[in-house]
């Protein structure tokens, strides 16, 4: 399996239920991201941290996502802070 993993982490300042509602409303949008094979949503409620693990077809797809409107929407969300992104070869 070739591809690129992306790990995104951030702090959140809303309740877990509010975060899950926001994430659920975006699930269909993530399903349509070009080159994205899958995404796993992760949350650490005790430390107010959340994020995702993504598998992209290639580096170009990963970079297109990070520079695209969906990633910008997540980055600019007022309840999210201290966002980090790290990619890995598969």
C-alpha atoms as a PDB file:
ATOM      1  CA  UNK A   1       0.000   0.000   0.000  1.00  0.00           C
ATOM      2  CA  UNK A   2       1.599   3.246  -1.109  1.00  0.00           C
ATOM      3  CA  UNK A   3       0.344   6.600   0.036  1.00  0.00           C
ATOM      4  CA  UNK A   4       0.771   9.328   2.618  1.00  0.00           C
ATOM      5  CA  UNK A   5      -0.549   9.504   6.163  1.00  0.00           C
ATOM      6  CA  UNK A   6      -1.501  12.868   7.627  1.00  0.00           C
ATOM      7  CA  UNK A   7      -1.896  13.389  11.359  1.00  0.00           C
ATOM      8  CA  UNK A   8      -3.719  16.544  12.471  1.00  0.00           C
ATOM      9  CA  UNK A   9      -4.032  17.526  16.143  1.00  0.00           C
ATOM     10  CA  UNK A  10      -5.626  20.559  17.757  1.00  0.00           C
ATOM     11  CA  UNK A  11      -7.116  21.815  20.997  1.00  0.00           C
ATOM     12  CA  UNK A  12     -10.862  22.458  21.194  1.00  0.00           C
ATOM     13  CA  UNK A  13     -12.853  24.739  23.479  1.00  0.00           C
ATOM     14  CA  UNK A  14     -16.344  23.299  23.030  1.00  0.00           C
ATOM     15  CA  UNK A  15     -18.050  20.282  24.566  1.00  0.00           C
ATOM     16  CA  UNK A  16     -17.458  16.812  23.170  1.00  0.00           C
ATOM     17  CA  UNK A  17     -21.070  16.727  21.982  1.00  0.00           C
ATOM     18  CA  UNK A  18     -20.633  20.032  20.125  1.00  0.00           C
ATOM     19  CA  UNK A  19     -17.406  18.761  18.558  1.00  0.00           C
ATOM     20  CA  UNK A  20     -19.058  15.504  17.469  1.00  0.00           C
ATOM     21  CA  UNK A  21     -21.972  17.423  15.955  1.00  0.00           C
ATOM     22  CA  UNK A  22     -19.597  19.643  13.979  1.00  0.00           C
ATOM     23  CA  UNK A  23     -17.548  16.632  12.854  1.00  0.00           C
ATOM     24  CA  UNK A  24     -20.657  14.727  11.770  1.00  0.00           C
ATOM     25  CA  UNK A  25     -21.810  17.640   9.650  1.00  0.00           C
ATOM     26  CA  UNK A  26     -18.467  17.599   7.779  1.00  0.00           C
ATOM     27  CA  UNK A  27     -18.146  13.828   7.273  1.00  0.00           C
ATOM     28  CA  UNK A  28     -19.746  13.889   3.831  1.00  0.00           C
ATOM     29  CA  UNK A  29     -17.491  16.728   2.744  1.00  0.00           C
ATOM     30  CA  UNK A  30     -14.390  14.776   3.760  1.00  0.00           C
ATOM     31  CA  UNK A  31     -15.693  11.783   1.798  1.00  0.00           C
ATOM     32  CA  UNK A  32     -15.488  13.897  -1.358  1.00  0.00           C
ATOM     33  CA  UNK A  33     -11.869  15.051  -0.944  1.00  0.00           C
ATOM     34  CA  UNK A  34      -9.853  14.050  -4.023  1.00  0.00           C
ATOM     35  CA  UNK A  35      -7.211  11.461  -3.219  1.00  0.00           C
ATOM     36  CA  UNK A  36      -8.416  10.835   0.354  1.00  0.00           C
ATOM     37  CA  UNK A  37      -8.896   7.110   0.949  1.00  0.00           C
ATOM     38  CA  UNK A  38     -10.105   7.365   4.542  1.00  0.00           C
ATOM     39  CA  UNK A  39     -10.111   9.468   7.685  1.00  0.00           C
ATOM     40  CA  UNK A  40     -10.234   8.414  11.330  1.00  0.00           C
ATOM     41  CA  UNK A  41     -11.575  10.993  13.779  1.00  0.00           C
ATOM     42  CA  UNK A  42      -9.750  11.047  17.135  1.00  0.00           C
ATOM     43  CA  UNK A  43     -10.595  12.783  20.406  1.00  0.00           C
ATOM     44  CA  UNK A  44      -9.049  13.058  23.864  1.00  0.00           C
ATOM     45  CA  UNK A  45     -11.836  14.704  25.833  1.00  0.00           C
ATOM     46  CA  UNK A  46      -9.871  14.824  29.100  1.00  0.00           C
ATOM     47  CA  UNK A  47      -7.210  17.027  27.484  1.00  0.00           C
ATOM     48  CA  UNK A  48      -9.526  18.902  25.079  1.00  0.00           C
ATOM     49  CA  UNK A  49      -7.604  17.568  22.084  1.00  0.00           C
ATOM     50  CA  UNK A  50      -8.932  16.184  18.835  1.00  0.00           C
ATOM     51  CA  UNK A  51      -7.860  15.618  15.277  1.00  0.00           C
ATOM     52  CA  UNK A  52      -7.687  13.043  12.574  1.00  0.00           C
ATOM     53  CA  UNK A  53      -5.569  10.437  10.876  1.00  0.00           C
ATOM     54  CA  UNK A  54      -5.895  10.520   7.091  1.00  0.00           C
ATOM     55  CA  UNK A  55      -4.634   8.284   4.298  1.00  0.00           C
ATOM     56  CA  UNK A  56      -4.075   9.994   0.954  1.00  0.00           C
ATOM     57  CA  UNK A  57      -3.177   8.412  -2.380  1.00  0.00           C
ATOM     58  CA  UNK A  58      -0.056  10.552  -2.718  1.00  0.00           C
ATOM     59  CA  UNK A  59       1.811  13.686  -1.628  1.00  0.00           C
ATOM     60  CA  UNK A  60       0.018  15.841  -4.196  1.00  0.00           C
ATOM     61  CA  UNK A  61      -3.412  14.902  -2.809  1.00  0.00           C
ATOM     62  CA  UNK A  62      -2.266  15.579   0.759  1.00  0.00           C
ATOM     63  CA  UNK A  63      -0.847  18.999  -0.168  1.00  0.00           C
ATOM     64  CA  UNK A  64      -3.972  19.887  -2.143  1.00  0.00           C
ATOM     65  CA  UNK A  65      -6.113  19.107   0.905  1.00  0.00           C
ATOM     66  CA  UNK A  66      -3.910  21.161   3.259  1.00  0.00           C
ATOM     67  CA  UNK A  67      -4.035  24.176   0.942  1.00  0.00           C
ATOM     68  CA  UNK A  68      -7.722  23.781   0.102  1.00  0.00           C
ATOM     69  CA  UNK A  69     -10.941  25.263   1.466  1.00  0.00           C
ATOM     70  CA  UNK A  70     -11.888  22.393   3.798  1.00  0.00           C
ATOM     71  CA  UNK A  71      -8.591  22.522   5.701  1.00  0.00           C
ATOM     72  CA  UNK A  72      -8.872  26.327   5.814  1.00  0.00           C
ATOM     73  CA  UNK A  73     -12.354  26.006   7.310  1.00  0.00           C
ATOM     74  CA  UNK A  74     -11.076  23.692  10.039  1.00  0.00           C
ATOM     75  CA  UNK A  75      -8.010  25.883  10.730  1.00  0.00           C
ATOM     76  CA  UNK A  76     -10.130  29.013  11.084  1.00  0.00           C
ATOM     77  CA  UNK A  77     -12.781  27.499  13.371  1.00  0.00           C
ATOM     78  CA  UNK A  78     -12.977  29.738  16.459  1.00  0.00           C
ATOM     79  CA  UNK A  79     -13.187  26.760  18.852  1.00  0.00           C
ATOM     80  CA  UNK A  80      -9.960  25.148  17.552  1.00  0.00           C
ATOM     81  CA  UNK A  81      -6.399  26.211  18.399  1.00  0.00           C
ATOM     82  CA  UNK A  82      -2.810  24.966  18.500  1.00  0.00           C
ATOM     83  CA  UNK A  83      -3.263  22.988  15.288  1.00  0.00           C
ATOM     84  CA  UNK A  84      -0.408  20.838  14.032  1.00  0.00           C
ATOM     85  CA  UNK A  85      -0.046  18.695  10.924  1.00  0.00           C
ATOM     86  CA  UNK A  86       2.530  16.010  10.247  1.00  0.00           C
ATOM     87  CA  UNK A  87       2.806  13.699   7.252  1.00  0.00           C
ATOM     88  CA  UNK A  88       4.315  10.229   7.022  1.00  0.00           C
ATOM     89  CA  UNK A  89       5.204   7.890   4.179  1.00  0.00           C
ATOM     90  CA  UNK A  90       3.307   4.617   4.046  1.00  0.00           C
END
